[in-house]
Protein backbone atom coordinates (compact mmCIF):
# COMPACT_ATOMS: atom_id res chain seq x y z
CA UNK A 1 127.03 69.26 105.07
CA UNK A 2 128.86 66.03 104.30
CA UNK A 3 126.35 64.11 106.40
CA UNK A 4 123.45 65.72 104.53
CA UNK A 5 125.10 64.89 101.19
CA UNK A 6 125.54 61.26 102.24
CA UNK A 7 121.96 60.79 103.43
CA UNK A 8 120.53 62.54 100.38
CA UNK A 9 122.63 60.36 98.06
CA UNK A 10 121.37 57.24 99.82
CA UNK A 11 117.76 58.46 99.70
CA UNK A 12 118.10 59.24 96.01
CA UNK A 13 119.84 56.02 94.94
CA UNK A 14 118.41 53.34 97.24
CA UNK A 15 115.07 51.61 97.20
CA UNK A 16 113.12 49.14 99.31
CA UNK A 17 115.17 46.22 97.97
CA UNK A 18 118.42 47.99 97.11
CA UNK A 19 121.23 49.49 99.13
CA UNK A 20 123.93 52.01 98.29
CA UNK A 21 127.57 51.10 98.83
CA UNK A 22 130.07 53.42 100.43
CA UNK A 23 132.21 53.17 97.29
CA UNK A 24 129.29 54.38 95.14
CA UNK A 25 128.66 57.32 97.47
CA UNK A 26 132.36 58.23 97.41
CA UNK A 27 132.42 58.11 93.61
CA UNK A 28 129.28 60.22 93.14
CA UNK A 29 130.17 62.83 95.75
CA UNK A 30 133.89 63.01 95.07
CA UNK A 31 134.71 62.33 98.72
CA UNK A 32 137.37 59.96 99.97
CA UNK A 33 136.01 56.71 101.35
CA UNK A 34 137.91 57.29 104.61
CA UNK A 35 135.96 60.55 105.03
CA UNK A 36 132.63 58.78 104.56
CA UNK A 37 133.08 55.72 106.75
CA UNK A 38 133.02 57.43 110.17
CA UNK A 39 129.91 59.39 109.17
CA UNK A 40 128.18 56.31 107.76
CA UNK A 41 128.86 54.50 111.03
CA UNK A 42 127.62 57.43 113.13
CA UNK A 43 124.44 57.77 111.04
CA UNK A 44 123.85 54.03 111.37
CA UNK A 45 124.42 54.09 115.14
CA UNK A 46 121.75 56.78 115.44
CA UNK A 47 119.44 54.68 113.22
CA UNK A 48 119.16 57.36 110.56
CA UNK A 49 120.59 54.73 108.21
CA UNK A 50 120.48 50.96 108.24
CA UNK A 51 123.36 48.93 106.94
CA UNK A 52 123.73 45.52 105.36
CA UNK A 53 127.06 43.72 105.51
CA UNK A 54 128.62 41.52 102.90
CA UNK A 55 129.71 41.71 99.27
CA UNK A 56 126.37 43.21 98.21
CA UNK A 57 126.02 45.29 101.36
CA UNK A 58 125.42 48.96 101.72
CA UNK A 59 123.11 51.53 103.26
CA UNK A 60 119.51 52.64 103.05
CA UNK A 61 117.45 55.12 105.07
CA UNK A 62 116.66 54.05 108.60
CA UNK A 63 113.19 55.56 108.36
CA UNK A 64 111.00 57.02 105.61
CA UNK A 65 112.40 60.19 104.04
CA UNK A 66 109.36 62.16 105.18
CA UNK A 67 110.25 61.37 108.81
CA UNK A 68 113.97 62.03 108.54
CA UNK A 69 114.75 65.60 109.61
CA UNK A 70 117.72 67.38 108.08
CA UNK A 71 118.44 68.79 111.54
CA UNK A 72 118.92 65.26 112.91
CA UNK A 73 121.39 64.47 110.14
CA UNK A 74 123.32 67.69 110.80
CA UNK A 75 123.42 66.98 114.53
CA UNK A 76 124.96 63.54 113.94
CA UNK A 77 127.45 65.03 111.49
CA UNK A 78 128.51 67.71 113.96
CA UNK A 79 128.78 65.23 116.82
CA UNK A 80 131.05 62.99 114.76
CA UNK A 81 133.59 65.74 114.04
CA UNK A 82 136.86 65.50 115.86
CA UNK A 83 137.53 68.51 118.05
CA UNK A 84 140.67 69.89 116.47
CA UNK A 85 139.71 73.54 116.34
CA UNK A 86 141.69 76.47 117.58
CA UNK A 87 140.58 77.89 120.91
CA UNK A 88 140.35 81.68 120.67
CA UNK A 89 140.38 83.59 123.94
CA UNK A 90 140.30 87.31 123.09
CA UNK A 91 137.66 89.74 124.35
CA UNK A 92 136.14 90.23 120.89
CA UNK A 93 135.95 86.45 120.54
CA UNK A 94 133.99 86.14 123.79
CA UNK A 95 131.59 89.05 123.39
CA UNK A 96 131.07 89.19 119.61
CA UNK A 97 132.25 86.16 117.66
CA UNK A 98 131.00 83.38 119.98
CA UNK A 99 127.50 84.92 120.32
CA UNK A 100 127.41 85.45 116.56
CA UNK A 101 128.17 81.76 115.91
CA UNK A 102 125.50 80.81 118.43
CA UNK A 103 122.99 82.90 116.45
CA UNK A 104 124.10 81.22 113.22
CA UNK A 105 123.73 77.78 114.83
CA UNK A 106 120.24 78.59 116.11
CA UNK A 107 119.09 79.93 112.72
CA UNK A 108 120.54 76.96 110.85
CA UNK A 109 118.98 74.42 113.17
CA UNK A 110 115.60 76.17 112.98
CA UNK A 111 115.63 75.84 109.20
CA UNK A 112 117.06 72.30 109.26
CA UNK A 113 114.51 71.23 111.87
CA UNK A 114 111.68 72.13 109.53
CA UNK A 115 113.10 70.29 106.49
CA UNK A 116 112.99 66.58 105.79
CA UNK A 117 115.00 64.44 103.42
CA UNK A 118 111.79 64.09 101.41
CA UNK A 119 111.77 67.89 100.98
CA UNK A 120 115.29 67.69 99.55
CA UNK A 121 114.25 64.86 97.21
CA UNK A 122 111.43 67.10 95.96
CA UNK A 123 113.96 69.85 95.27
CA UNK A 124 116.03 67.37 93.26
CA UNK A 125 112.95 66.37 91.23
CA UNK A 126 112.06 70.03 90.65
CA UNK A 127 115.60 70.58 89.34
CA UNK A 128 115.02 67.76 86.82
CA UNK A 129 116.84 64.94 88.60
CA UNK A 130 115.12 61.58 88.48
CA UNK A 131 115.74 58.73 90.87
CA UNK A 132 117.36 55.79 89.10
CA UNK A 133 115.22 53.38 91.15
CA UNK A 134 111.51 53.98 91.19
CA UNK A 135 109.49 53.28 94.30
CA UNK A 136 106.94 50.50 93.85
CA UNK A 137 103.32 51.53 93.58
CA UNK A 138 101.27 50.80 96.66
CA UNK A 139 97.53 50.72 96.16
CA UNK A 140 94.53 48.73 97.26
CA UNK A 141 91.44 48.04 95.20
């Protein structure tokens, strides 16, 4: 969920000419910068985000929000986690708990695969949140 929060924050606060710094994301989300950096790097490696270096550097979406699937963001977030979990070996674990988590994973990914970051931005707008940076109007006469 941290990866989704990061990408949504960037989608909400960046624009075609502006980027969002890691420090700004950390401040708005209440996360430690050291928690964000590995995820920002992983999301950039997978081209879900693009990054700009330097004193005015930061991040923006790597593709339009309507083409950025929440499931892709979750997959990158999960892949970037360090494997430090406890390995359970009991019979109930093998025949009940592991299959149950597999069902949860499948249901979550089915929902996440049908949502885009644009869908989440629409939810934010419906809740009354307004982007601080407006997208420029594109029209042809």
